[in-house]
Structures are given as structure tokens and as C-alpha cells.
């Protein structure tokens, strides 16, 4: 699961158009959101220590923001 978002970005970068690449980055962002949710649930259920849950959710939130920024830059390239 953790590598799924990376694989989507790699696959998308090999596509012919920017729109296709953006679509794969969007799929990767969905995978990151899913992974973050699973970390949160695992923390609530006591499978992951609270400090580790916080650290991981923070990193996933940062990654989500970076993917959103990448999508924005791909959709609206500088002139």
C-alpha cells in the first residue's frame, strides 16, 4: 500500500499528455488519503502508538499538500 501512490506518479509521468499525468497524480493523492485514514484508524484502535500515529498523519498530510500543489502547477503552468 505505501508504494501505490509512488507507482501511480511514475506511471502517470510516462503518459503522453499532461492531463493524463494529472489524473495519475490525483489517483496517487487518493491513495495517500486512504493510507492516512488507515493510520488514523490503526492509532485509534491501539495498533500504532499515539506519537507514531501523529508523526505519520502529519507526513501524509504534508504529502497530500505537495501532491495538490503538483496538480495545480501541472494544470496551470507558468507563462
C-alpha atoms as a PDB file:
ATOM      1  CA  UNK A   1       0.000   0.000   0.000  1.00  0.00           C
ATOM      2  CA  UNK A   2       2.613   2.675   0.857  1.00  0.00           C
ATOM      3  CA  UNK A   3       4.229   2.317  -2.569  1.00  0.00           C
ATOM      4  CA  UNK A   4       0.983   2.537  -4.513  1.00  0.00           C
ATOM      5  CA  UNK A   5       0.995   6.341  -4.674  1.00  0.00           C
ATOM      6  CA  UNK A   6       4.592   6.344  -5.909  1.00  0.00           C
ATOM      7  CA  UNK A   7       3.752   3.819  -8.624  1.00  0.00           C
ATOM      8  CA  UNK A   8       0.840   5.964  -9.796  1.00  0.00           C
ATOM      9  CA  UNK A   9       3.089   9.016 -10.156  1.00  0.00           C
ATOM     10  CA  UNK A  10       5.691   7.030 -12.078  1.00  0.00           C
ATOM     11  CA  UNK A  11       3.074   5.535 -14.375  1.00  0.00           C
ATOM     12  CA  UNK A  12       1.458   8.922 -14.940  1.00  0.00           C
ATOM     13  CA  UNK A  13       4.768  10.572 -15.800  1.00  0.00           C
ATOM     14  CA  UNK A  14       5.144   8.117 -18.672  1.00  0.00           C
ATOM     15  CA  UNK A  15       1.800   9.104 -20.207  1.00  0.00           C
ATOM     16  CA  UNK A  16       1.608  11.203 -23.352  1.00  0.00           C
ATOM     17  CA  UNK A  17      -0.287  14.218 -22.057  1.00  0.00           C
ATOM     18  CA  UNK A  18      -0.181  16.443 -19.016  1.00  0.00           C
ATOM     19  CA  UNK A  19      -3.877  15.766 -18.435  1.00  0.00           C
ATOM     20  CA  UNK A  20      -3.159  12.043 -18.146  1.00  0.00           C
ATOM     21  CA  UNK A  21      -0.288  12.753 -15.745  1.00  0.00           C
ATOM     22  CA  UNK A  22      -2.552  14.954 -13.600  1.00  0.00           C
ATOM     23  CA  UNK A  23      -5.087  12.121 -13.483  1.00  0.00           C
ATOM     24  CA  UNK A  24      -2.480   9.713 -12.124  1.00  0.00           C
ATOM     25  CA  UNK A  25      -1.263  12.274  -9.571  1.00  0.00           C
ATOM     26  CA  UNK A  26      -4.898  12.631  -8.499  1.00  0.00           C
ATOM     27  CA  UNK A  27      -5.127   8.851  -8.069  1.00  0.00           C
ATOM     28  CA  UNK A  28      -1.918   8.965  -6.017  1.00  0.00           C
ATOM     29  CA  UNK A  29      -3.459  11.672  -3.817  1.00  0.00           C
ATOM     30  CA  UNK A  30      -6.424   9.381  -3.209  1.00  0.00           C
ATOM     31  CA  UNK A  31      -4.068   6.569  -2.204  1.00  0.00           C
ATOM     32  CA  UNK A  32      -2.300   8.910   0.233  1.00  0.00           C
ATOM     33  CA  UNK A  33      -5.638   9.920   1.776  1.00  0.00           C
ATOM     34  CA  UNK A  34      -6.559   6.259   2.158  1.00  0.00           C
ATOM     35  CA  UNK A  35      -3.227   5.423   3.793  1.00  0.00           C
ATOM     36  CA  UNK A  36      -3.578   8.375   6.191  1.00  0.00           C
ATOM     37  CA  UNK A  37      -7.057   7.205   7.150  1.00  0.00           C
ATOM     38  CA  UNK A  38      -5.801   3.685   7.838  1.00  0.00           C
ATOM     39  CA  UNK A  39      -3.004   5.053  10.036  1.00  0.00           C
ATOM     40  CA  UNK A  40      -5.564   7.104  11.973  1.00  0.00           C
ATOM     41  CA  UNK A  41      -7.835   4.085  12.456  1.00  0.00           C
ATOM     42  CA  UNK A  42      -4.889   1.932  13.485  1.00  0.00           C
ATOM     43  CA  UNK A  43      -3.933   4.562  16.051  1.00  0.00           C
ATOM     44  CA  UNK A  44      -7.470   4.782  17.452  1.00  0.00           C
ATOM     45  CA  UNK A  45      -7.576   1.006  17.771  1.00  0.00           C
ATOM     46  CA  UNK A  46      -4.243   0.979  19.577  1.00  0.00           C
ATOM     47  CA  UNK A  47      -2.268  -0.850  16.898  1.00  0.00           C
ATOM     48  CA  UNK A  48       0.069   2.112  16.382  1.00  0.00           C
ATOM     49  CA  UNK A  49       1.432   4.222  19.275  1.00  0.00           C
ATOM     50  CA  UNK A  50      -0.073   7.723  19.514  1.00  0.00           C
ATOM     51  CA  UNK A  51       3.203   9.543  18.851  1.00  0.00           C
ATOM     52  CA  UNK A  52       3.842   7.443  15.744  1.00  0.00           C
ATOM     53  CA  UNK A  53       0.254   7.952  14.564  1.00  0.00           C
ATOM     54  CA  UNK A  54       0.677  11.720  14.875  1.00  0.00           C
ATOM     55  CA  UNK A  55       4.007  11.651  13.069  1.00  0.00           C
ATOM     56  CA  UNK A  56       2.660   9.537  10.201  1.00  0.00           C
ATOM     57  CA  UNK A  57      -0.565  11.505   9.783  1.00  0.00           C
ATOM     58  CA  UNK A  58       1.460  14.724   9.704  1.00  0.00           C
ATOM     59  CA  UNK A  59       3.727  13.315   6.988  1.00  0.00           C
ATOM     60  CA  UNK A  60       0.747  12.076   4.967  1.00  0.00           C
ATOM     61  CA  UNK A  61      -0.916  15.492   5.297  1.00  0.00           C
ATOM     62  CA  UNK A  62       2.263  17.160   4.017  1.00  0.00           C
ATOM     63  CA  UNK A  63       2.476  14.706   1.128  1.00  0.00           C
ATOM     64  CA  UNK A  64      -1.180  15.358   0.281  1.00  0.00           C
ATOM     65  CA  UNK A  65      -0.477  19.105   0.138  1.00  0.00           C
ATOM     66  CA  UNK A  66       2.562  18.532  -2.088  1.00  0.00           C
ATOM     67  CA  UNK A  67       0.524  16.415  -4.493  1.00  0.00           C
ATOM     68  CA  UNK A  68      -2.187  19.095  -4.612  1.00  0.00           C
ATOM     69  CA  UNK A  69       0.480  21.710  -5.394  1.00  0.00           C
ATOM     70  CA  UNK A  70       1.902  19.483  -8.139  1.00  0.00           C
ATOM     71  CA  UNK A  71      -1.546  19.094  -9.692  1.00  0.00           C
ATOM     72  CA  UNK A  72      -2.100  22.875  -9.583  1.00  0.00           C
ATOM     73  CA  UNK A  73       1.255  23.540 -11.223  1.00  0.00           C
ATOM     74  CA  UNK A  74       0.596  20.981 -13.944  1.00  0.00           C
ATOM     75  CA  UNK A  75      -2.866  22.392 -14.661  1.00  0.00           C
ATOM     76  CA  UNK A  76      -1.664  25.999 -14.651  1.00  0.00           C
ATOM     77  CA  UNK A  77       1.951  26.091 -15.882  1.00  0.00           C
ATOM     78  CA  UNK A  78       3.781  29.429 -15.610  1.00  0.00           C
ATOM     79  CA  UNK A  79       3.552  31.568 -18.724  1.00  0.00           C
END
